[in-house]
Structures are given as C-alpha cells and as structure tokens.
Amino acid sequence: MDDSIFIIFIAFGCLWAVMGTAIVFLFFKSDGQQEVKIGKWGLIVALPIVIPMAIAFIYAAVRR
C-alpha cells in the first residue's frame, strides 16, 4: 500500500509523455504539406532514451 503513490506518479508521468508526444506529432502534422517521417536520426535519438528506461522498469519489476 505504501507504493501506491509511486504507481500513480508513474502513471501520470506516462500519460503526460504520451500526450506530449501526440501534441508534437499533431503540431508537425498540422501543416499538412509534408508527411511526418521518422528516419534514421529519429531512432538514433529515441533509442538511447527508451532502452535505459525499459531496462530500469524491468529491473525494478523483477527486483520487487
């Protein structure tokens, strides 16, 4: 029961991250003249952010 506040905090953090990503995508898409493409450079930026987060979450879940 002591960890419930952290679960709520992480859930809201994930919700804000998803909403922020969607808003940035819609902002770029609103121009309507070009398609939004995620290329090689987008993956080079995104993977070093996503992979350590996933490893940390998996480690925390297994350790718990």
N, C-alpha and C. Protein backbone atom coordinates (compact mmCIF):
# COMPACT_ATOMS: atom_id res chain seq x y z
N MET A 1 0.82 -1.19 0.00
CA MET A 1 0.00 0.00 0.00
C MET A 1 0.86 1.25 0.00
N ASP A 2 2.08 1.17 0.53
CA ASP A 2 2.95 2.32 0.57
C ASP A 2 3.42 2.75 -0.81
N ASP A 3 3.45 1.81 -1.77
CA ASP A 3 3.93 2.12 -3.11
C ASP A 3 2.84 2.66 -4.03
N SER A 4 1.61 2.76 -3.55
CA SER A 4 0.52 3.17 -4.44
C SER A 4 0.72 4.59 -4.95
N ILE A 5 1.30 5.48 -4.16
CA ILE A 5 1.51 6.85 -4.62
C ILE A 5 2.53 6.88 -5.75
N PHE A 6 3.51 5.99 -5.71
CA PHE A 6 4.50 5.95 -6.78
C PHE A 6 3.89 5.40 -8.06
N ILE A 7 2.98 4.47 -7.95
CA ILE A 7 2.29 3.94 -9.12
C ILE A 7 1.46 5.05 -9.77
N ILE A 8 0.79 5.82 -8.97
CA ILE A 8 0.00 6.95 -9.50
C ILE A 8 0.93 7.96 -10.17
N PHE A 9 2.06 8.27 -9.54
CA PHE A 9 3.03 9.21 -10.10
C PHE A 9 3.56 8.72 -11.44
N ILE A 10 3.93 7.45 -11.53
CA ILE A 10 4.45 6.90 -12.78
C ILE A 10 3.36 6.88 -13.85
N ALA A 11 2.13 6.54 -13.47
CA ALA A 11 1.03 6.53 -14.44
C ALA A 11 0.79 7.92 -15.02
N PHE A 12 0.77 8.94 -14.16
CA PHE A 12 0.58 10.29 -14.67
C PHE A 12 1.77 10.74 -15.51
N GLY A 13 2.97 10.34 -15.14
CA GLY A 13 4.14 10.67 -15.94
C GLY A 13 4.07 10.05 -17.31
N CYS A 14 3.66 8.79 -17.38
CA CYS A 14 3.50 8.13 -18.69
C CYS A 14 2.39 8.79 -19.49
N LEU A 15 1.31 9.15 -18.84
CA LEU A 15 0.22 9.84 -19.53
C LEU A 15 0.69 11.17 -20.12
N TRP A 16 1.44 11.95 -19.35
CA TRP A 16 1.95 13.23 -19.85
C TRP A 16 2.93 13.02 -20.99
N ALA A 17 3.76 11.98 -20.92
CA ALA A 17 4.70 11.70 -22.00
C ALA A 17 3.97 11.35 -23.29
N VAL A 18 2.92 10.54 -23.18
CA VAL A 18 2.14 10.16 -24.36
C VAL A 18 1.42 11.38 -24.93
N MET A 19 0.84 12.19 -24.06
CA MET A 19 0.15 13.40 -24.53
C MET A 19 1.13 14.36 -25.19
N GLY A 20 2.30 14.53 -24.62
CA GLY A 20 3.31 15.41 -25.22
C GLY A 20 3.76 14.93 -26.58
N THR A 21 3.97 13.63 -26.69
CA THR A 21 4.36 13.06 -27.98
C THR A 21 3.26 13.26 -29.02
N ALA A 22 2.02 13.03 -28.63
CA ALA A 22 0.90 13.21 -29.55
C ALA A 22 0.77 14.67 -29.99
N ILE A 23 0.97 15.60 -29.07
CA ILE A 23 0.84 17.02 -29.41
C ILE A 23 1.94 17.45 -30.36
N VAL A 24 3.17 16.98 -30.12
CA VAL A 24 4.26 17.32 -31.04
C VAL A 24 3.97 16.74 -32.42
N PHE A 25 3.49 15.50 -32.47
CA PHE A 25 3.16 14.88 -33.74
C PHE A 25 2.05 15.67 -34.45
N LEU A 26 1.00 16.03 -33.73
CA LEU A 26 -0.10 16.80 -34.33
C LEU A 26 0.36 18.19 -34.76
N PHE A 27 1.27 18.79 -34.02
CA PHE A 27 1.80 20.10 -34.39
C PHE A 27 2.53 20.02 -35.72
N PHE A 28 3.37 19.00 -35.89
CA PHE A 28 4.08 18.86 -37.15
C PHE A 28 3.14 18.43 -38.28
N LYS A 29 2.13 17.69 -37.96
CA LYS A 29 1.18 17.20 -38.97
C LYS A 29 0.21 18.31 -39.38
N SER A 30 0.02 19.34 -38.56
CA SER A 30 -0.98 20.36 -38.83
C SER A 30 -0.65 21.19 -40.06
N ASP A 31 0.62 21.23 -40.45
CA ASP A 31 0.99 21.97 -41.65
C ASP A 31 0.33 21.35 -42.87
N GLY A 32 0.27 20.04 -42.92
CA GLY A 32 -0.46 19.34 -43.96
C GLY A 32 0.26 19.23 -45.29
N GLN A 33 1.40 19.86 -45.45
CA GLN A 33 2.08 19.83 -46.72
C GLN A 33 3.06 18.67 -46.84
N GLN A 34 3.55 18.19 -45.72
CA GLN A 34 4.52 17.11 -45.74
C GLN A 34 4.07 15.99 -44.82
N GLU A 35 4.50 14.79 -45.17
CA GLU A 35 4.23 13.66 -44.29
C GLU A 35 5.23 13.66 -43.15
N VAL A 36 4.81 13.21 -42.00
CA VAL A 36 5.71 13.09 -40.86
C VAL A 36 6.41 11.75 -40.96
N LYS A 37 7.73 11.80 -41.09
CA LYS A 37 8.51 10.57 -41.22
C LYS A 37 9.51 10.50 -40.09
N ILE A 38 9.66 9.32 -39.53
CA ILE A 38 10.68 9.09 -38.50
C ILE A 38 11.79 8.31 -39.18
N GLY A 39 12.90 8.95 -39.37
CA GLY A 39 14.00 8.32 -40.08
C GLY A 39 15.06 7.77 -39.15
N LYS A 40 16.22 7.59 -39.74
CA LYS A 40 17.36 7.03 -39.02
C LYS A 40 17.76 7.92 -37.85
N TRP A 41 17.77 9.22 -38.03
CA TRP A 41 18.19 10.13 -36.97
C TRP A 41 17.18 10.16 -35.82
N GLY A 42 15.93 9.97 -36.12
CA GLY A 42 14.93 9.90 -35.06
C GLY A 42 15.14 8.69 -34.17
N LEU A 43 15.50 7.58 -34.77
CA LEU A 43 15.79 6.37 -33.98
C LEU A 43 17.06 6.52 -33.18
N ILE A 44 18.06 7.20 -33.76
CA ILE A 44 19.31 7.41 -33.04
C ILE A 44 19.07 8.25 -31.78
N VAL A 45 18.12 9.17 -31.84
CA VAL A 45 17.80 10.00 -30.69
C VAL A 45 16.89 9.25 -29.71
N ALA A 46 15.91 8.52 -30.23
CA ALA A 46 14.90 7.90 -29.37
C ALA A 46 15.41 6.66 -28.64
N LEU A 47 16.19 5.84 -29.29
CA LEU A 47 16.61 4.57 -28.68
C LEU A 47 17.43 4.75 -27.41
N PRO A 48 18.41 5.67 -27.35
CA PRO A 48 19.13 5.83 -26.08
C PRO A 48 18.27 6.36 -24.94
N ILE A 49 17.12 6.91 -25.25
CA ILE A 49 16.21 7.37 -24.21
C ILE A 49 15.31 6.23 -23.75
N VAL A 50 14.78 5.47 -24.69
CA VAL A 50 13.79 4.44 -24.40
C VAL A 50 14.42 3.19 -23.79
N ILE A 51 15.55 2.76 -24.31
CA ILE A 51 16.16 1.50 -23.86
C ILE A 51 16.54 1.53 -22.38
N PRO A 52 17.26 2.57 -21.88
CA PRO A 52 17.56 2.57 -20.44
C PRO A 52 16.32 2.64 -19.55
N MET A 53 15.29 3.37 -20.01
CA MET A 53 14.05 3.41 -19.23
C MET A 53 13.42 2.03 -19.14
N ALA A 54 13.39 1.32 -20.26
CA ALA A 54 12.80 -0.03 -20.27
C ALA A 54 13.61 -0.97 -19.38
N ILE A 55 14.93 -0.87 -19.44
CA ILE A 55 15.78 -1.73 -18.60
C ILE A 55 15.54 -1.42 -17.13
N ALA A 56 15.43 -0.14 -16.79
CA ALA A 56 15.18 0.23 -15.39
C ALA A 56 13.83 -0.28 -14.90
N PHE A 57 12.80 -0.17 -15.73
CA PHE A 57 11.48 -0.65 -15.34
C PHE A 57 11.48 -2.17 -15.18
N ILE A 58 12.13 -2.87 -16.08
CA ILE A 58 12.19 -4.33 -15.99
C ILE A 58 12.97 -4.75 -14.75
N TYR A 59 14.08 -4.09 -14.49
CA TYR A 59 14.88 -4.39 -13.30
C TYR A 59 14.07 -4.16 -12.02
N ALA A 60 13.35 -3.04 -11.97
CA ALA A 60 12.54 -2.74 -10.79
C ALA A 60 11.42 -3.76 -10.61
N ALA A 61 10.82 -4.19 -11.71
CA ALA A 61 9.73 -5.17 -11.62
C ALA A 61 10.25 -6.53 -11.16
N VAL A 62 11.43 -6.92 -11.66
CA VAL A 62 11.99 -8.22 -11.27
C VAL A 62 12.49 -8.18 -9.83
N ARG A 63 13.09 -7.09 -9.45
CA ARG A 63 13.65 -6.95 -8.10
C ARG A 63 12.55 -6.91 -7.05
N ARG A 64 11.44 -6.33 -7.39
CA ARG A 64 10.32 -6.18 -6.45
C ARG A 64 9.76 -7.53 -6.15
